[in-house]
N, C-alpha and C. Protein backbone atom coordinates (compact mmCIF):
# COMPACT_ATOMS: atom_id res chain seq x y z
N UNK A 1 1.00 -1.26 0.00
CA UNK A 1 -0.18 0.29 0.10
C UNK A 1 0.77 1.12 -0.04
N UNK A 2 1.76 1.20 0.86
CA UNK A 2 2.76 2.20 0.88
C UNK A 2 3.69 2.83 -0.51
N UNK A 3 3.59 1.52 -1.11
CA UNK A 3 4.69 1.48 -2.49
C UNK A 3 3.45 2.19 -3.39
N UNK A 4 2.30 1.70 -3.43
CA UNK A 4 1.43 2.29 -4.44
C UNK A 4 1.17 3.73 -4.39
N UNK A 5 1.03 4.33 -3.16
CA UNK A 5 1.00 5.77 -2.61
C UNK A 5 2.30 6.40 -3.21
N UNK A 6 3.51 5.81 -2.92
CA UNK A 6 4.62 6.59 -3.50
C UNK A 6 4.81 6.58 -5.02
N UNK A 7 4.39 5.59 -5.44
CA UNK A 7 4.13 5.18 -6.82
C UNK A 7 3.63 6.47 -7.75
N UNK A 8 2.04 6.62 -7.17
CA UNK A 8 1.35 7.53 -7.59
C UNK A 8 1.97 9.14 -7.39
N UNK A 9 2.32 9.25 -6.42
CA UNK A 9 3.09 10.64 -6.14
C UNK A 9 4.36 10.83 -7.21
N UNK A 10 4.81 9.70 -7.48
CA UNK A 10 6.17 9.71 -8.47
C UNK A 10 5.55 9.99 -10.00
N UNK A 11 4.49 9.45 -10.17
CA UNK A 11 3.91 9.75 -11.50
C UNK A 11 3.18 10.94 -11.57
N UNK A 12 2.71 11.46 -10.21
CA UNK A 12 2.13 12.80 -10.52
C UNK A 12 2.94 13.90 -10.71
N UNK A 13 4.23 13.77 -10.19
CA UNK A 13 5.32 14.81 -10.07
C UNK A 13 5.80 14.63 -11.62
N UNK A 14 6.02 13.46 -12.20
CA UNK A 14 6.24 13.39 -13.62
C UNK A 14 5.28 13.95 -14.60
N UNK A 15 4.08 13.71 -14.43
CA UNK A 15 3.15 14.53 -15.29
C UNK A 15 3.14 16.14 -15.07
N UNK A 16 3.52 16.43 -13.75
CA UNK A 16 3.30 17.79 -13.40
C UNK A 16 4.43 18.36 -14.36
N UNK A 17 5.61 17.84 -14.32
CA UNK A 17 6.79 18.31 -15.13
C UNK A 17 6.49 18.41 -16.53
N UNK A 18 5.89 17.38 -16.98
CA UNK A 18 5.36 17.25 -18.42
C UNK A 18 4.75 18.91 -18.65
N UNK A 19 3.77 19.09 -17.86
CA UNK A 19 2.75 19.83 -18.22
C UNK A 19 3.49 21.28 -18.02
N UNK A 20 4.33 21.58 -17.25
CA UNK A 20 4.76 22.86 -16.94
C UNK A 20 6.01 23.16 -18.05
N UNK A 21 6.39 21.88 -18.59
CA UNK A 21 7.28 21.94 -19.66
C UNK A 21 6.95 22.41 -20.74
N UNK A 22 5.44 22.18 -21.11
CA UNK A 22 4.96 22.54 -22.27
C UNK A 22 4.08 23.88 -22.41
N UNK A 23 4.34 24.45 -21.31
CA UNK A 23 3.59 25.87 -21.24
C UNK A 23 3.28 26.37 -19.66
N UNK A 24 2.79 27.41 -19.61
CA UNK A 24 2.68 27.91 -18.32
C UNK A 24 1.21 27.44 -17.73
N UNK A 25 1.11 26.69 -16.35
CA UNK A 25 -0.22 26.61 -15.97
C UNK A 25 -0.30 27.07 -14.82
N UNK A 26 -1.60 27.32 -14.38
CA UNK A 26 -1.74 27.75 -12.78
C UNK A 26 -2.02 26.66 -12.07
N UNK A 27 -2.16 26.94 -10.68
CA UNK A 27 -2.08 26.00 -9.66
C UNK A 27 -3.50 25.01 -10.09
N UNK A 28 -4.70 26.27 -10.02
CA UNK A 28 -5.89 25.55 -10.31
C UNK A 28 -6.19 24.56 -11.70
N UNK A 29 -5.33 25.11 -12.52
CA UNK A 29 -5.43 24.26 -14.12
C UNK A 29 -4.69 22.80 -13.75
N UNK A 30 -3.34 23.04 -13.13
CA UNK A 30 -2.79 21.59 -12.74
C UNK A 30 -3.51 20.96 -11.89
N UNK A 31 -4.08 21.43 -11.03
CA UNK A 31 -4.81 20.75 -10.13
C UNK A 31 -6.01 19.96 -10.52
N UNK A 32 -6.72 20.61 -11.68
CA UNK A 32 -7.88 19.77 -12.29
C UNK A 32 -7.28 18.92 -13.14
N UNK A 33 -6.20 18.98 -14.04
CA UNK A 33 -5.52 18.02 -14.74
C UNK A 33 -5.20 16.85 -14.16
N UNK A 34 -4.59 17.05 -12.76
CA UNK A 34 -4.03 15.89 -12.06
C UNK A 34 -4.82 15.44 -11.17
N UNK A 35 -6.14 15.78 -10.90
CA UNK A 35 -7.12 15.37 -9.78
C UNK A 35 -6.65 15.51 -8.51
N UNK A 36 -5.96 16.68 -7.93
CA UNK A 36 -5.74 17.06 -6.63
C UNK A 36 -6.19 18.31 -6.41
N UNK A 37 -5.74 18.93 -5.03
CA UNK A 37 -5.93 20.24 -4.82
C UNK A 37 -5.04 21.17 -5.22
N UNK A 38 -5.11 22.57 -4.93
CA UNK A 38 -4.03 23.61 -5.59
C UNK A 38 -3.07 23.62 -4.30
N UNK A 39 -3.42 23.27 -2.99
CA UNK A 39 -2.17 23.21 -2.15
C UNK A 39 -1.43 22.12 -2.28
N UNK A 40 -1.87 20.71 -2.99
CA UNK A 40 -1.07 19.88 -3.33
C UNK A 40 0.05 19.97 -4.37
N UNK A 41 -0.66 20.82 -5.41
CA UNK A 41 -0.03 21.26 -6.36
C UNK A 41 1.39 22.43 -5.84
N UNK A 42 0.93 23.09 -4.83
CA UNK A 42 1.90 23.83 -4.38
C UNK A 42 3.13 23.06 -3.61
N UNK A 43 2.41 22.15 -2.91
CA UNK A 43 3.62 21.29 -1.95
C UNK A 43 4.26 20.73 -3.19
N UNK A 44 4.02 20.07 -4.34
CA UNK A 44 4.66 19.46 -5.29
C UNK A 44 5.68 20.06 -6.16
N UNK A 45 5.42 21.13 -6.31
CA UNK A 45 6.02 22.39 -7.17
C UNK A 45 7.18 22.60 -6.08
N UNK A 46 6.98 22.91 -4.86
CA UNK A 46 8.04 23.24 -4.04
C UNK A 46 9.00 21.99 -3.62
N UNK A 47 8.47 20.67 -3.61
CA UNK A 47 9.35 19.62 -3.61
C UNK A 47 10.23 19.48 -5.03
N UNK A 48 9.52 19.57 -6.17
CA UNK A 48 10.30 19.62 -7.40
C UNK A 48 11.33 20.68 -7.37
N UNK A 49 11.04 21.91 -7.08
CA UNK A 49 12.21 22.85 -6.98
C UNK A 49 13.36 22.38 -6.30
N UNK A 50 13.00 21.77 -5.06
CA UNK A 50 14.14 21.38 -4.16
C UNK A 50 14.84 20.40 -4.56
N UNK A 51 13.98 19.63 -5.70
CA UNK A 51 15.02 18.46 -6.15
C UNK A 51 15.97 18.94 -7.36
N UNK A 52 15.94 20.26 -7.51
CA UNK A 52 16.80 20.77 -8.58
C UNK A 52 16.13 21.28 -10.05
N UNK A 53 14.75 20.99 -9.78
CA UNK A 53 13.98 21.20 -11.39
C UNK A 53 13.45 22.76 -11.44
N UNK A 54 14.02 23.43 -12.56
CA UNK A 54 13.80 25.02 -12.61
C UNK A 54 12.47 25.45 -13.03
N UNK A 55 11.62 25.29 -12.13
CA UNK A 55 10.23 25.64 -12.13
C UNK A 55 10.27 27.16 -11.79
N UNK A 56 9.40 28.02 -12.49
CA UNK A 56 9.17 29.35 -11.87
C UNK A 56 8.05 29.89 -12.01
N UNK A 57 7.58 30.81 -11.22
CA UNK A 57 6.31 31.45 -11.45
C UNK A 57 6.29 32.52 -12.27
N UNK A 58 5.45 32.52 -12.99
CA UNK A 58 5.18 33.79 -13.84
C UNK A 58 3.88 34.29 -13.87
N UNK A 59 3.61 35.80 -14.08
CA UNK A 59 2.57 36.33 -14.24
C UNK A 59 1.95 36.39 -15.40
N UNK A 60 0.55 35.75 -15.13
CA UNK A 60 -0.33 35.86 -16.61
C UNK A 60 -1.78 36.50 -16.19
N UNK A 61 -1.64 37.72 -16.74
CA UNK A 61 -2.92 38.47 -16.44
C UNK A 61 -3.06 38.56 -14.99
N UNK A 62 -4.38 38.08 -14.49
CA UNK A 62 -4.68 38.18 -13.19
C UNK A 62 -4.29 37.21 -12.32
N UNK A 63 -3.51 36.01 -13.02
CA UNK A 63 -3.14 35.01 -12.15
C UNK A 63 -1.48 34.55 -12.16
N UNK A 64 -1.08 33.82 -11.40
CA UNK A 64 0.09 33.40 -11.32
C UNK A 64 0.20 31.98 -12.08
N UNK A 65 1.12 31.40 -12.67
CA UNK A 65 1.49 30.39 -13.48
C UNK A 65 2.82 29.68 -13.26
N UNK A 66 2.70 28.34 -13.41
CA UNK A 66 4.24 27.88 -13.23
C UNK A 66 4.65 27.26 -14.72
N UNK A 67 5.83 27.32 -14.84
CA UNK A 67 6.30 26.89 -15.93
C UNK A 67 8.05 26.34 -15.90
N UNK A 68 8.48 25.49 -16.60
CA UNK A 68 9.65 24.73 -16.29
C UNK A 68 10.59 25.60 -17.09
N UNK A 69 11.72 26.16 -16.66
CA UNK A 69 12.60 27.12 -17.44
C UNK A 69 13.66 26.06 -17.93
N UNK A 70 13.88 26.16 -19.36
CA UNK A 70 15.03 25.33 -19.95
C UNK A 70 14.70 24.12 -20.48
N UNK A 71 13.32 23.69 -20.36
CA UNK A 71 12.76 22.81 -21.38
C UNK A 71 12.83 21.22 -19.87
N UNK A 72 12.82 20.18 -20.43
CA UNK A 72 12.44 18.98 -19.76
C UNK A 72 14.03 18.21 -19.25
N UNK A 73 14.82 19.07 -19.24
CA UNK A 73 16.17 18.16 -19.09
C UNK A 73 16.33 17.87 -17.40
N UNK A 74 16.88 16.74 -17.25
CA UNK A 74 16.79 16.34 -15.69
C UNK A 74 17.93 17.39 -14.75
N UNK A 75 17.83 17.44 -13.36
CA UNK A 75 18.74 18.20 -12.81
C UNK A 75 20.28 17.55 -12.84
N UNK A 76 20.18 16.40 -13.23
CA UNK A 76 21.49 15.40 -13.02
C UNK A 76 22.47 15.56 -14.37
N UNK A 77 21.55 15.98 -15.40
CA UNK A 77 22.25 16.39 -16.84
C UNK A 77 22.62 17.69 -16.75
N UNK A 78 21.95 18.46 -16.32
CA UNK A 78 22.24 20.05 -15.99
C UNK A 78 23.38 20.12 -15.30
N UNK A 79 23.70 19.34 -14.34
CA UNK A 79 24.84 19.18 -13.43
C UNK A 79 26.21 18.97 -14.07
N UNK A 80 25.77 17.83 -15.10
CA UNK A 80 26.89 17.51 -15.90
C UNK A 80 27.34 18.42 -16.75
N UNK A 81 26.58 19.40 -17.35
CA UNK A 81 26.93 20.26 -18.14
C UNK A 81 27.31 21.36 -17.62
N UNK A 82 27.07 21.63 -16.21
CA UNK A 82 27.69 22.76 -15.58
C UNK A 82 26.61 23.92 -15.45
N UNK A 83 25.14 23.63 -15.72
CA UNK A 83 24.36 24.55 -15.73
C UNK A 83 23.11 24.42 -14.68
N UNK A 84 22.48 25.26 -14.53
CA UNK A 84 21.46 25.19 -13.34
C UNK A 84 20.18 25.37 -14.30
């Protein structure tokens, strides 16, 4: 059971990264697409940032959105190349 939960979270993180690498999404939009609450999206984005993924917040009209800076390259590949 614990494994299933961890696997579901890992999959959600992967899907979140795929979404923000393809464009800017608000927390509400990400929450709807991933079937979770906006606070869960906030926690997931914070976790992924701490793991080295260059996710930034951008202002889109009246709302904020998240997007991945520099495409979908993994943090380990960026470190090997010497970039962040």
